[in-house]
Amino acid sequence: MADNTRFTQRRVRLRIPKHFHQEPVISQLVSEYHVTVNIMAAVLGANANGDGWFDLELRGTDEQVEHALGYINDLGLEIWRESDQDGW
């Protein structure tokens, strides 16, 4: 059985479709799932004409990070996770 209180960090890249640009996706990760979010890189046009991309580092307990990733998945956002062996 996994220790859900162990702290972890996960690096993910997200594609944020245009229709999500006004949604507080990253804010929800912090307020609802209690993970620390470090934005490593981001591309989001000033006029929001197209998809945005975020390279995020998520920190928290294993359980918090897994629930946060579940939220992202439930939204149907495209997500790439860091490979354990090869990095990006």
PDB file of N, CA and C in Angstrom:
ATOM      1  N   MET A   1       0.850  -1.185   0.000  1.00  0.00           N
ATOM      2  CA  MET A   1       0.000   0.000   0.000  1.00  0.00           C
ATOM      3  C   MET A   1       0.892   1.244   0.000  1.00  0.00           C
ATOM      4  N   ALA A   2       0.561   2.212  -0.831  1.00  0.00           N
ATOM      5  CA  ALA A   2       1.360   3.437  -0.961  1.00  0.00           C
ATOM      6  C   ALA A   2       1.141   4.349   0.243  1.00  0.00           C
ATOM      7  N   ASP A   3       2.196   5.065   0.598  1.00  0.00           N
ATOM      8  CA  ASP A   3       2.113   6.050   1.674  1.00  0.00           C
ATOM      9  C   ASP A   3       1.644   7.365   1.066  1.00  0.00           C
ATOM     10  N   ASN A   4       0.362   7.710   1.257  1.00  0.00           N
ATOM     11  CA  ASN A   4      -0.219   8.896   0.633  1.00  0.00           C
ATOM     12  C   ASN A   4       0.222  10.201   1.283  1.00  0.00           C
ATOM     13  N   THR A   5       0.960  10.123   2.390  1.00  0.00           N
ATOM     14  CA  THR A   5       1.421  11.343   3.048  1.00  0.00           C
ATOM     15  C   THR A   5       2.839  11.709   2.618  1.00  0.00           C
ATOM     16  N   ARG A   6       3.467  10.882   1.812  1.00  0.00           N
ATOM     17  CA  ARG A   6       4.813  11.173   1.318  1.00  0.00           C
ATOM     18  C   ARG A   6       4.744  12.337   0.325  1.00  0.00           C
ATOM     19  N   PHE A   7       5.678  13.275   0.447  1.00  0.00           N
ATOM     20  CA  PHE A   7       5.693  14.409  -0.471  1.00  0.00           C
ATOM     21  C   PHE A   7       6.394  14.036  -1.769  1.00  0.00           C
ATOM     22  N   THR A   8       5.880  14.583  -2.836  1.00  0.00           N
ATOM     23  CA  THR A   8       6.410  14.286  -4.158  1.00  0.00           C
ATOM     24  C   THR A   8       6.317  15.521  -5.028  1.00  0.00           C
ATOM     25  N   GLN A   9       7.003  15.500  -6.137  1.00  0.00           N
ATOM     26  CA  GLN A   9       6.825  16.533  -7.151  1.00  0.00           C
ATOM     27  C   GLN A   9       6.752  15.845  -8.498  1.00  0.00           C
ATOM     28  N   ARG A  10       5.875  16.372  -9.351  1.00  0.00           N
ATOM     29  CA  ARG A  10       5.670  15.813 -10.686  1.00  0.00           C
ATOM     30  C   ARG A  10       5.728  16.948 -11.682  1.00  0.00           C
ATOM     31  N   ARG A  11       6.354  16.697 -12.789  1.00  0.00           N
ATOM     32  CA  ARG A  11       6.438  17.681 -13.854  1.00  0.00           C
ATOM     33  C   ARG A  11       5.504  17.251 -14.971  1.00  0.00           C
ATOM     34  N   VAL A  12       4.641  18.163 -15.398  1.00  0.00           N
ATOM     35  CA  VAL A  12       3.679  17.867 -16.459  1.00  0.00           C
ATOM     36  C   VAL A  12       3.611  19.045 -17.421  1.00  0.00           C
ATOM     37  N   ARG A  13       3.241  18.734 -18.629  1.00  0.00           N
ATOM     38  CA  ARG A  13       2.947  19.773 -19.618  1.00  0.00           C
ATOM     39  C   ARG A  13       1.488  19.645 -20.003  1.00  0.00           C
ATOM     40  N   LEU A  14       0.823  20.790 -20.062  1.00  0.00           N
ATOM     41  CA  LEU A  14      -0.601  20.822 -20.380  1.00  0.00           C
ATOM     42  C   LEU A  14      -0.854  21.665 -21.613  1.00  0.00           C
ATOM     43  N   ARG A  15      -1.811  21.219 -22.405  1.00  0.00           N
ATOM     44  CA  ARG A  15      -2.335  22.062 -23.486  1.00  0.00           C
ATOM     45  C   ARG A  15      -3.669  22.577 -22.990  1.00  0.00           C
ATOM     46  N   ILE A  16      -3.805  23.906 -22.979  1.00  0.00           N
ATOM     47  CA  ILE A  16      -5.039  24.546 -22.533  1.00  0.00           C
ATOM     48  C   ILE A  16      -5.765  25.080 -23.769  1.00  0.00           C
ATOM     49  N   PRO A  17      -6.851  24.431 -24.178  1.00  0.00           N
ATOM     50  CA  PRO A  17      -7.588  24.907 -25.351  1.00  0.00           C
ATOM     51  C   PRO A  17      -8.154  26.310 -25.119  1.00  0.00           C
ATOM     52  N   LYS A  18      -8.403  27.004 -26.202  1.00  0.00           N
ATOM     53  CA  LYS A  18      -8.877  28.385 -26.150  1.00  0.00           C
ATOM     54  C   LYS A  18     -10.113  28.543 -25.256  1.00  0.00           C
ATOM     55  N   HIS A  19     -11.036  27.596 -25.313  1.00  0.00           N
ATOM     56  CA  HIS A  19     -12.273  27.740 -24.529  1.00  0.00           C
ATOM     57  C   HIS A  19     -12.045  27.591 -23.021  1.00  0.00           C
ATOM     58  N   PHE A  20     -10.835  27.246 -22.591  1.00  0.00           N
ATOM     59  CA  PHE A  20     -10.501  27.174 -21.171  1.00  0.00           C
ATOM     60  C   PHE A  20      -9.725  28.396 -20.687  1.00  0.00           C
ATOM     61  N   HIS A  21      -9.428  29.339 -21.567  1.00  0.00           N
ATOM     62  CA  HIS A  21      -8.566  30.460 -21.177  1.00  0.00           C
ATOM     63  C   HIS A  21      -9.131  31.306 -20.045  1.00  0.00           C
ATOM     64  N   GLN A  22     -10.420  31.355 -19.889  1.00  0.00           N
ATOM     65  CA  GLN A  22     -11.018  32.146 -18.811  1.00  0.00           C
ATOM     66  C   GLN A  22     -11.315  31.307 -17.574  1.00  0.00           C
ATOM     67  N   GLU A  23     -10.974  30.026 -17.612  1.00  0.00           N
ATOM     68  CA  GLU A  23     -11.208  29.133 -16.480  1.00  0.00           C
ATOM     69  C   GLU A  23      -9.994  29.145 -15.548  1.00  0.00           C
ATOM     70  N   PRO A  24     -10.207  29.115 -14.239  1.00  0.00           N
ATOM     71  CA  PRO A  24      -9.097  29.164 -13.278  1.00  0.00           C
ATOM     72  C   PRO A  24      -8.479  27.784 -13.021  1.00  0.00           C
ATOM     73  N   VAL A  25      -7.980  27.144 -14.073  1.00  0.00           N
ATOM     74  CA  VAL A  25      -7.464  25.774 -13.962  1.00  0.00           C
ATOM     75  C   VAL A  25      -6.324  25.689 -12.955  1.00  0.00           C
ATOM     76  N   ILE A  26      -5.324  26.533 -13.078  1.00  0.00           N
ATOM     77  CA  ILE A  26      -4.170  26.472 -12.185  1.00  0.00           C
ATOM     78  C   ILE A  26      -4.565  26.895 -10.774  1.00  0.00           C
ATOM     79  N   SER A  27      -5.404  27.891 -10.656  1.00  0.00           N
ATOM     80  CA  SER A  27      -5.888  28.327  -9.348  1.00  0.00           C
ATOM     81  C   SER A  27      -6.609  27.189  -8.629  1.00  0.00           C
ATOM     82  N   GLN A  28      -7.389  26.408  -9.351  1.00  0.00           N
ATOM     83  CA  GLN A  28      -8.104  25.277  -8.760  1.00  0.00           C
ATOM     84  C   GLN A  28      -7.135  24.228  -8.223  1.00  0.00           C
ATOM     85  N   LEU A  29      -6.022  24.027  -8.927  1.00  0.00           N
ATOM     86  CA  LEU A  29      -5.026  23.060  -8.455  1.00  0.00           C
ATOM     87  C   LEU A  29      -4.526  23.440  -7.062  1.00  0.00           C
ATOM     88  N   VAL A  30      -4.355  24.745  -6.853  1.00  0.00           N
ATOM     89  CA  VAL A  30      -3.851  25.235  -5.568  1.00  0.00           C
ATOM     90  C   VAL A  30      -4.957  25.224  -4.516  1.00  0.00           C
ATOM     91  N   SER A  31      -6.107  25.830  -4.821  1.00  0.00           N
ATOM     92  CA  SER A  31      -7.143  26.011  -3.803  1.00  0.00           C
ATOM     93  C   SER A  31      -7.919  24.737  -3.480  1.00  0.00           C
ATOM     94  N   GLU A  32      -8.208  23.918  -4.467  1.00  0.00           N
ATOM     95  CA  GLU A  32      -9.028  22.720  -4.235  1.00  0.00           C
ATOM     96  C   GLU A  32      -8.204  21.468  -3.949  1.00  0.00           C
ATOM     97  N   TYR A  33      -7.010  21.376  -4.539  1.00  0.00           N
ATOM     98  CA  TYR A  33      -6.214  20.154  -4.416  1.00  0.00           C
ATOM     99  C   TYR A  33      -4.966  20.356  -3.566  1.00  0.00           C
ATOM    100  N   HIS A  34      -4.736  21.584  -3.118  1.00  0.00           N
ATOM    101  CA  HIS A  34      -3.680  21.919  -2.163  1.00  0.00           C
ATOM    102  C   HIS A  34      -2.282  21.528  -2.625  1.00  0.00           C
ATOM    103  N   VAL A  35      -2.047  21.642  -3.934  1.00  0.00           N
ATOM    104  CA  VAL A  35      -0.697  21.406  -4.445  1.00  0.00           C
ATOM    105  C   VAL A  35      -0.024  22.751  -4.675  1.00  0.00           C
ATOM    106  N   THR A  36       1.277  22.750  -4.575  1.00  0.00           N
ATOM    107  CA  THR A  36       2.055  23.920  -4.936  1.00  0.00           C
ATOM    108  C   THR A  36       2.345  23.797  -6.424  1.00  0.00           C
ATOM    109  N   VAL A  37       2.095  24.864  -7.166  1.00  0.00           N
ATOM    110  CA  VAL A  37       2.303  24.853  -8.611  1.00  0.00           C
ATOM    111  C   VAL A  37       3.416  25.827  -8.951  1.00  0.00           C
ATOM    112  N   ASN A  38       4.443  25.325  -9.588  1.00  0.00           N
ATOM    113  CA  ASN A  38       5.519  26.157 -10.091  1.00  0.00           C
ATOM    114  C   ASN A  38       5.406  26.147 -11.613  1.00  0.00           C
ATOM    115  N   ILE A  39       5.183  27.307 -12.206  1.00  0.00           N
ATOM    116  CA  ILE A  39       5.088  27.406 -13.662  1.00  0.00           C
ATOM    117  C   ILE A  39       6.505  27.530 -14.204  1.00  0.00           C
ATOM    118  N   MET A  40       6.975  26.449 -14.828  1.00  0.00           N
ATOM    119  CA  MET A  40       8.334  26.400 -15.355  1.00  0.00           C
ATOM    120  C   MET A  40       8.435  27.141 -16.694  1.00  0.00           C
ATOM    121  N   ALA A  41       7.364  27.077 -17.477  1.00  0.00           N
ATOM    122  CA  ALA A  41       7.302  27.766 -18.767  1.00  0.00           C
ATOM    123  C   ALA A  41       5.832  27.833 -19.172  1.00  0.00           C
ATOM    124  N   ALA A  42       5.501  28.820 -19.982  1.00  0.00           N
ATOM    125  CA  ALA A  42       4.122  28.952 -20.448  1.00  0.00           C
ATOM    126  C   ALA A  42       4.095  29.721 -21.758  1.00  0.00           C
ATOM    127  N   VAL A  43       3.122  29.361 -22.588  1.00  0.00           N
ATOM    128  CA  VAL A  43       2.865  30.094 -23.819  1.00  0.00           C
ATOM    129  C   VAL A  43       1.357  30.304 -23.874  1.00  0.00           C
ATOM    130  N   LEU A  44       0.957  31.561 -23.820  1.00  0.00           N
ATOM    131  CA  LEU A  44      -0.459  31.910 -23.919  1.00  0.00           C
ATOM    132  C   LEU A  44      -0.506  33.281 -24.553  1.00  0.00           C
ATOM    133  N   GLY A  45      -1.061  33.369 -25.738  1.00  0.00           N
ATOM    134  CA  GLY A  45      -1.078  34.628 -26.465  1.00  0.00           C
ATOM    135  C   GLY A  45      -1.822  35.726 -25.733  1.00  0.00           C
ATOM    136  N   ALA A  46      -1.351  36.951 -25.908  1.00  0.00           N
ATOM    137  CA  ALA A  46      -1.963  38.112 -25.259  1.00  0.00           C
ATOM    138  C   ALA A  46      -3.431  38.257 -25.654  1.00  0.00           C
ATOM    139  N   ASN A  47      -3.765  37.921 -26.879  1.00  0.00           N
ATOM    140  CA  ASN A  47      -5.141  38.016 -27.351  1.00  0.00           C
ATOM    141  C   ASN A  47      -5.893  36.697 -27.212  1.00  0.00           C
ATOM    142  N   ALA A  48      -5.224  35.688 -26.623  1.00  0.00           N
ATOM    143  CA  ALA A  48      -5.831  34.364 -26.414  1.00  0.00           C
ATOM    144  C   ALA A  48      -6.388  33.785 -27.700  1.00  0.00           C
ATOM    145  N   ASN A  49      -5.633  33.924 -28.784  1.00  0.00           N
ATOM    146  CA  ASN A  49      -6.037  33.392 -30.083  1.00  0.00           C
ATOM    147  C   ASN A  49      -5.430  32.019 -30.306  1.00  0.00           C
ATOM    148  N   GLY A  50      -5.922  31.028 -29.642  1.00  0.00           N
ATOM    149  CA  GLY A  50      -5.409  29.673 -29.813  1.00  0.00           C
ATOM    150  C   GLY A  50      -5.137  29.009 -28.486  1.00  0.00           C
ATOM    151  N   ASP A  51      -4.549  27.837 -28.587  1.00  0.00           N
ATOM    152  CA  ASP A  51      -4.263  27.049 -27.395  1.00  0.00           C
ATOM    153  C   ASP A  51      -3.078  27.611 -26.634  1.00  0.00           C
ATOM    154  N   GLY A  52      -3.074  27.372 -25.336  1.00  0.00           N
ATOM    155  CA  GLY A  52      -1.949  27.719 -24.488  1.00  0.00           C
ATOM    156  C   GLY A  52      -1.259  26.449 -24.030  1.00  0.00           C
ATOM    157  N   TRP A  53      -0.015  26.590 -23.618  1.00  0.00           N
ATOM    158  CA  TRP A  53       0.774  25.461 -23.131  1.00  0.00           C
ATOM    159  C   TRP A  53       1.420  25.847 -21.820  1.00  0.00           C
ATOM    160  N   PHE A  54       1.395  24.938 -20.863  1.00  0.00           N
ATOM    161  CA  PHE A  54       2.024  25.170 -19.572  1.00  0.00           C
ATOM    162  C   PHE A  54       2.923  23.997 -19.220  1.00  0.00           C
ATOM    163  N   ASP A  55       4.094  24.309 -18.758  1.00  0.00           N
ATOM    164  CA  ASP A  55       5.035  23.331 -18.222  1.00  0.00           C
ATOM    165  C   ASP A  55       5.015  23.571 -16.716  1.00  0.00           C
ATOM    166  N   LEU A  56       4.427  22.640 -15.972  1.00  0.00           N
ATOM    167  CA  LEU A  56       4.187  22.826 -14.542  1.00  0.00           C
ATOM    168  C   LEU A  56       4.936  21.802 -13.698  1.00  0.00           C
ATOM    169  N   GLU A  57       5.330  22.245 -12.533  1.00  0.00           N
ATOM    170  CA  GLU A  57       5.839  21.339 -11.515  1.00  0.00           C
ATOM    171  C   GLU A  57       4.815  21.357 -10.390  1.00  0.00           C
ATOM    172  N   LEU A  58       4.262  20.196 -10.071  1.00  0.00           N
ATOM    173  CA  LEU A  58       3.260  20.066  -9.015  1.00  0.00           C
ATOM    174  C   LEU A  58       3.920  19.431  -7.802  1.00  0.00           C
ATOM    175  N   ARG A  59       3.721  20.039  -6.638  1.00  0.00           N
ATOM    176  CA  ARG A  59       4.301  19.517  -5.391  1.00  0.00           C
ATOM    177  C   ARG A  59       3.216  19.344  -4.348  1.00  0.00           C
ATOM    178  N   GLY A  60       3.297  18.246  -3.636  1.00  0.00           N
ATOM    179  CA  GLY A  60       2.362  17.964  -2.556  1.00  0.00           C
ATOM    180  C   GLY A  60       2.509  16.525  -2.144  1.00  0.00           C
ATOM    181  N   THR A  61       1.551  16.032  -1.361  1.00  0.00           N
ATOM    182  CA  THR A  61       1.580  14.619  -1.017  1.00  0.00           C
ATOM    183  C   THR A  61       1.234  13.829  -2.280  1.00  0.00           C
ATOM    184  N   ASP A  62       1.577  12.544  -2.256  1.00  0.00           N
ATOM    185  CA  ASP A  62       1.222  11.689  -3.393  1.00  0.00           C
ATOM    186  C   ASP A  62      -0.264  11.791  -3.709  1.00  0.00           C
ATOM    187  N   GLU A  63      -1.075  11.759  -2.662  1.00  0.00           N
ATOM    188  CA  GLU A  63      -2.531  11.806  -2.836  1.00  0.00           C
ATOM    189  C   GLU A  63      -2.981  13.139  -3.442  1.00  0.00           C
ATOM    190  N   GLN A  64      -2.445  14.253  -2.948  1.00  0.00           N
ATOM    191  CA  GLN A  64      -2.814  15.564  -3.483  1.00  0.00           C
ATOM    192  C   GLN A  64      -2.458  15.675  -4.958  1.00  0.00           C
ATOM    193  N   VAL A  65      -1.251  15.251  -5.303  1.00  0.00           N
ATOM    194  CA  VAL A  65      -0.803  15.350  -6.699  1.00  0.00           C
ATOM    195  C   VAL A  65      -1.644  14.448  -7.593  1.00  0.00           C
ATOM    196  N   GLU A  66      -1.930  13.248  -7.133  1.00  0.00           N
ATOM    197  CA  GLU A  66      -2.753  12.332  -7.938  1.00  0.00           C
ATOM    198  C   GLU A  66      -4.163  12.888  -8.140  1.00  0.00           C
ATOM    199  N   HIS A  67      -4.754  13.478  -7.095  1.00  0.00           N
ATOM    200  CA  HIS A  67      -6.084  14.083  -7.241  1.00  0.00           C
ATOM    201  C   HIS A  67      -6.036  15.283  -8.189  1.00  0.00           C
ATOM    202  N   ALA A  68      -4.984  16.079  -8.113  1.00  0.00           N
ATOM    203  CA  ALA A  68      -4.834  17.224  -9.020  1.00  0.00           C
ATOM    204  C   ALA A  68      -4.722  16.750 -10.461  1.00  0.00           C
ATOM    205  N   LEU A  69      -3.959  15.689 -10.688  1.00  0.00           N
ATOM    206  CA  LEU A  69      -3.833  15.138 -12.044  1.00  0.00           C
ATOM    207  C   LEU A  69      -5.162  14.551 -12.512  1.00  0.00           C
ATOM    208  N   GLY A  70      -5.918  13.983 -11.592  1.00  0.00           N
ATOM    209  CA  GLY A  70      -7.249  13.481 -11.934  1.00  0.00           C
ATOM    210  C   GLY A  70      -8.177  14.603 -12.372  1.00  0.00           C
ATOM    211  N   TYR A  71      -8.093  15.735 -11.681  1.00  0.00           N
ATOM    212  CA  TYR A  71      -8.888  16.921 -12.051  1.00  0.00           C
ATOM    213  C   TYR A  71      -8.542  17.368 -13.471  1.00  0.00           C
ATOM    214  N   ILE A  72      -7.248  17.456 -13.761  1.00  0.00           N
ATOM    215  CA  ILE A  72      -6.807  17.855 -15.106  1.00  0.00           C
ATOM    216  C   ILE A  72      -7.336  16.866 -16.136  1.00  0.00           C
ATOM    217  N   ASN A  73      -7.246  15.597 -15.832  1.00  0.00           N
ATOM    218  CA  ASN A  73      -7.732  14.554 -16.731  1.00  0.00           C
ATOM    219  C   ASN A  73      -9.247  14.656 -16.920  1.00  0.00           C
ATOM    220  N   ASP A  74      -9.975  14.894 -15.825  1.00  0.00           N
ATOM    221  CA  ASP A  74     -11.432  15.019 -15.910  1.00  0.00           C
ATOM    222  C   ASP A  74     -11.868  16.195 -16.779  1.00  0.00           C
ATOM    223  N   LEU A  75     -11.045  17.241 -16.819  1.00  0.00           N
ATOM    224  CA  LEU A  75     -11.344  18.378 -17.689  1.00  0.00           C
ATOM    225  C   LEU A  75     -11.129  18.040 -19.160  1.00  0.00           C
ATOM    226  N   GLY A  76     -10.425  16.952 -19.411  1.00  0.00           N
ATOM    227  CA  GLY A  76     -10.143  16.547 -20.788  1.00  0.00           C
ATOM    228  C   GLY A  76      -8.968  17.287 -21.399  1.00  0.00           C
ATOM    229  N   LEU A  77      -8.109  17.861 -20.543  1.00  0.00           N
ATOM    230  CA  LEU A  77      -6.948  18.587 -21.055  1.00  0.00           C
ATOM    231  C   LEU A  77      -5.866  17.611 -21.470  1.00  0.00           C
ATOM    232  N   GLU A  78      -5.168  17.958 -22.535  1.00  0.00           N
ATOM    233  CA  GLU A  78      -4.039  17.142 -22.990  1.00  0.00           C
ATOM    234  C   GLU A  78      -2.903  17.304 -21.997  1.00  0.00           C
ATOM    235  N   ILE A  79      -2.332  16.204 -21.566  1.00  0.00           N
ATOM    236  CA  ILE A  79      -1.276  16.249 -20.562  1.00  0.00           C
ATOM    237  C   ILE A  79      -0.154  15.296 -20.956  1.00  0.00           C
ATOM    238  N   TRP A  80       1.058  15.780 -20.774  1.00  0.00           N
ATOM    239  CA  TRP A  80       2.240  14.948 -20.954  1.00  0.00           C
ATOM    240  C   TRP A  80       2.950  14.917 -19.620  1.00  0.00           C
ATOM    241  N   ARG A  81       3.292  13.737 -19.176  1.00  0.00           N
ATOM    242  CA  ARG A  81       4.013  13.591 -17.904  1.00  0.00           C
ATOM    243  C   ARG A  81       5.475  13.332 -18.181  1.00  0.00           C
ATOM    244  N   GLU A  82       6.295  13.794 -17.275  1.00  0.00           N
ATOM    245  CA  GLU A  82       7.723  13.570 -17.391  1.00  0.00           C
ATOM    246  C   GLU A  82       8.005  12.072 -17.310  1.00  0.00           C
ATOM    247  N   SER A  83       8.811  11.589 -18.228  1.00  0.00           N
ATOM    248  CA  SER A  83       9.220  10.190 -18.196  1.00  0.00           C
ATOM    249  C   SER A  83      10.183   9.986 -17.034  1.00  0.00           C
ATOM    250  N   ASP A  84      10.038   8.873 -16.339  1.00  0.00           N
ATOM    251  CA  ASP A  84      10.913   8.588 -15.216  1.00  0.00           C
ATOM    252  C   ASP A  84      12.374   8.396 -15.651  1.00  0.00           C
ATOM    253  N   GLN A  85      12.596   8.005 -16.900  1.00  0.00           N
ATOM    254  CA  GLN A  85      13.953   7.707 -17.342  1.00  0.00           C
ATOM    255  C   GLN A  85      14.539   8.744 -18.285  1.00  0.00           C
ATOM    256  N   ASP A  86      13.732   9.251 -19.190  1.00  0.00           N
ATOM    257  CA  ASP A  86      14.266  10.074 -20.265  1.00  0.00           C
ATOM    258  C   ASP A  86      14.047  11.570 -20.105  1.00  0.00           C
ATOM    259  N   GLY A  87      13.391  12.015 -19.032  1.00  0.00           N
ATOM    260  CA  GLY A  87      13.063  13.435 -18.944  1.00  0.00           C
ATOM    261  C   GLY A  87      12.012  13.762 -19.983  1.00  0.00           C
ATOM    262  N   TRP A  88      12.169  14.858 -20.661  1.00  0.00           N
ATOM    263  CA  TRP A  88      11.189  15.232 -21.693  1.00  0.00           C
ATOM    264  C   TRP A  88      11.603  14.591 -22.969  1.00  0.00           C
TER     265      TRP A  88
END
